[in-house]
Amino acid sequence: MLQVTRKDGEDGEALLRRFNKLVQRDGVLQEARRRRHFISNREKQRQAERRAARRRRRSAIKARPR
């Protein structure tokens, strides 16, 4: 669990901002969104293959001489 303690002279908005940064950096929301629905191992593998193919296509386009 993430915890943020208030520093001397820190207002509530700054405290909330620091907390939000911590949540973003830690990936808490991304993990929750990912776990919202069950995804089978085969579907995870398909997604990874699609991402890899997209990366290859994009790098091939960037590598093309102009």
C-alpha atoms as a PDB file:
ATOM      1  CA  MET A   1       0.000   0.000   0.000  1.00  0.00           C
ATOM      2  CA  LEU A   2       1.265   3.457  -0.908  1.00  0.00           C
ATOM      3  CA  GLN A   3       1.589   5.972   1.865  1.00  0.00           C
ATOM      4  CA  VAL A   4       2.383   9.660   1.756  1.00  0.00           C
ATOM      5  CA  THR A   5       3.079  11.639   4.927  1.00  0.00           C
ATOM      6  CA  ARG A   6       2.475  15.349   5.096  1.00  0.00           C
ATOM      7  CA  LYS A   7       5.614  17.489   5.165  1.00  0.00           C
ATOM      8  CA  ASP A   8       5.916  20.628   7.288  1.00  0.00           C
ATOM      9  CA  GLY A   9       4.091  23.513   5.651  1.00  0.00           C
ATOM     10  CA  GLU A  10       2.697  21.365   2.819  1.00  0.00           C
ATOM     11  CA  ASP A  11      -0.851  22.081   1.737  1.00  0.00           C
ATOM     12  CA  GLY A  12      -3.391  19.433   0.778  1.00  0.00           C
ATOM     13  CA  GLU A  13      -3.059  20.001  -2.967  1.00  0.00           C
ATOM     14  CA  ALA A  14       0.698  19.411  -2.942  1.00  0.00           C
ATOM     15  CA  LEU A  15       0.180  16.294  -0.848  1.00  0.00           C
ATOM     16  CA  LEU A  16      -2.394  14.991  -3.323  1.00  0.00           C
ATOM     17  CA  ARG A  17      -0.085  15.810  -6.241  1.00  0.00           C
ATOM     18  CA  ARG A  18       2.750  13.832  -4.638  1.00  0.00           C
ATOM     19  CA  PHE A  19       0.417  10.909  -3.992  1.00  0.00           C
ATOM     20  CA  ASN A  20      -0.818  10.908  -7.600  1.00  0.00           C
ATOM     21  CA  LYS A  21       2.777  10.908  -8.863  1.00  0.00           C
ATOM     22  CA  LEU A  22       3.553   7.914  -6.655  1.00  0.00           C
ATOM     23  CA  VAL A  23       0.501   6.044  -7.926  1.00  0.00           C
ATOM     24  CA  GLN A  24       1.486   6.767 -11.539  1.00  0.00           C
ATOM     25  CA  ARG A  25       5.095   5.716 -11.026  1.00  0.00           C
ATOM     26  CA  ASP A  26       4.129   2.544  -9.197  1.00  0.00           C
ATOM     27  CA  GLY A  27       1.623   1.519 -11.894  1.00  0.00           C
ATOM     28  CA  VAL A  28      -1.227   0.843  -9.474  1.00  0.00           C
ATOM     29  CA  LEU A  29      -3.985   1.997 -11.836  1.00  0.00           C
ATOM     30  CA  GLN A  30      -2.529   0.191 -14.844  1.00  0.00           C
ATOM     31  CA  GLU A  31      -2.410  -3.028 -12.841  1.00  0.00           C
ATOM     32  CA  ALA A  32      -6.022  -2.598 -11.713  1.00  0.00           C
ATOM     33  CA  ARG A  33      -7.198  -1.968 -15.278  1.00  0.00           C
ATOM     34  CA  ARG A  34      -5.258  -4.975 -16.525  1.00  0.00           C
ATOM     35  CA  ARG A  35      -6.759  -7.251 -13.892  1.00  0.00           C
ATOM     36  CA  ARG A  36     -10.324  -6.028 -14.431  1.00  0.00           C
ATOM     37  CA  HIS A  37     -11.071  -8.773 -16.963  1.00  0.00           C
ATOM     38  CA  PHE A  38      -9.650 -12.267 -17.226  1.00  0.00           C
ATOM     39  CA  ILE A  39      -7.346 -12.769 -20.208  1.00  0.00           C
ATOM     40  CA  SER A  40      -6.263 -16.284 -21.098  1.00  0.00           C
ATOM     41  CA  ASN A  41      -2.594 -17.077 -21.638  1.00  0.00           C
ATOM     42  CA  ARG A  42      -3.210 -17.643 -25.347  1.00  0.00           C
ATOM     43  CA  GLU A  43      -4.822 -14.207 -25.667  1.00  0.00           C
ATOM     44  CA  LYS A  44      -1.874 -12.612 -23.842  1.00  0.00           C
ATOM     45  CA  GLN A  45       0.443 -14.351 -26.307  1.00  0.00           C
ATOM     46  CA  ARG A  46      -1.602 -13.066 -29.288  1.00  0.00           C
ATOM     47  CA  GLN A  47      -1.462  -9.536 -27.912  1.00  0.00           C
ATOM     48  CA  ALA A  48       2.301  -9.783 -27.453  1.00  0.00           C
ATOM     49  CA  GLU A  49       2.699 -11.047 -31.046  1.00  0.00           C
ATOM     50  CA  ARG A  50       0.576  -8.172 -32.370  1.00  0.00           C
ATOM     51  CA  ARG A  51       2.621  -5.642 -30.382  1.00  0.00           C
ATOM     52  CA  ALA A  52       5.874  -7.137 -31.674  1.00  0.00           C
ATOM     53  CA  ALA A  53       4.634  -7.087 -35.281  1.00  0.00           C
ATOM     54  CA  ARG A  54       3.597  -3.453 -34.899  1.00  0.00           C
ATOM     55  CA  ARG A  55       7.013  -2.566 -33.444  1.00  0.00           C
ATOM     56  CA  ARG A  56       8.734  -4.295 -36.377  1.00  0.00           C
ATOM     57  CA  ARG A  57       6.570  -2.466 -38.929  1.00  0.00           C
ATOM     58  CA  ARG A  58       7.151   0.891 -37.286  1.00  0.00           C
ATOM     59  CA  SER A  59      10.923   0.392 -37.053  1.00  0.00           C
ATOM     60  CA  ALA A  60      11.028  -0.721 -40.704  1.00  0.00           C
ATOM     61  CA  ILE A  61       9.225   2.464 -41.737  1.00  0.00           C
ATOM     62  CA  LYS A  62      11.620   4.628 -39.718  1.00  0.00           C
ATOM     63  CA  ALA A  63      14.656   2.812 -41.134  1.00  0.00           C
ATOM     64  CA  ARG A  64      13.612   3.416 -44.745  1.00  0.00           C
ATOM     65  CA  PRO A  65      15.827   5.942 -46.563  1.00  0.00           C
ATOM     66  CA  ARG A  66      14.051   9.099 -47.684  1.00  0.00           C
END
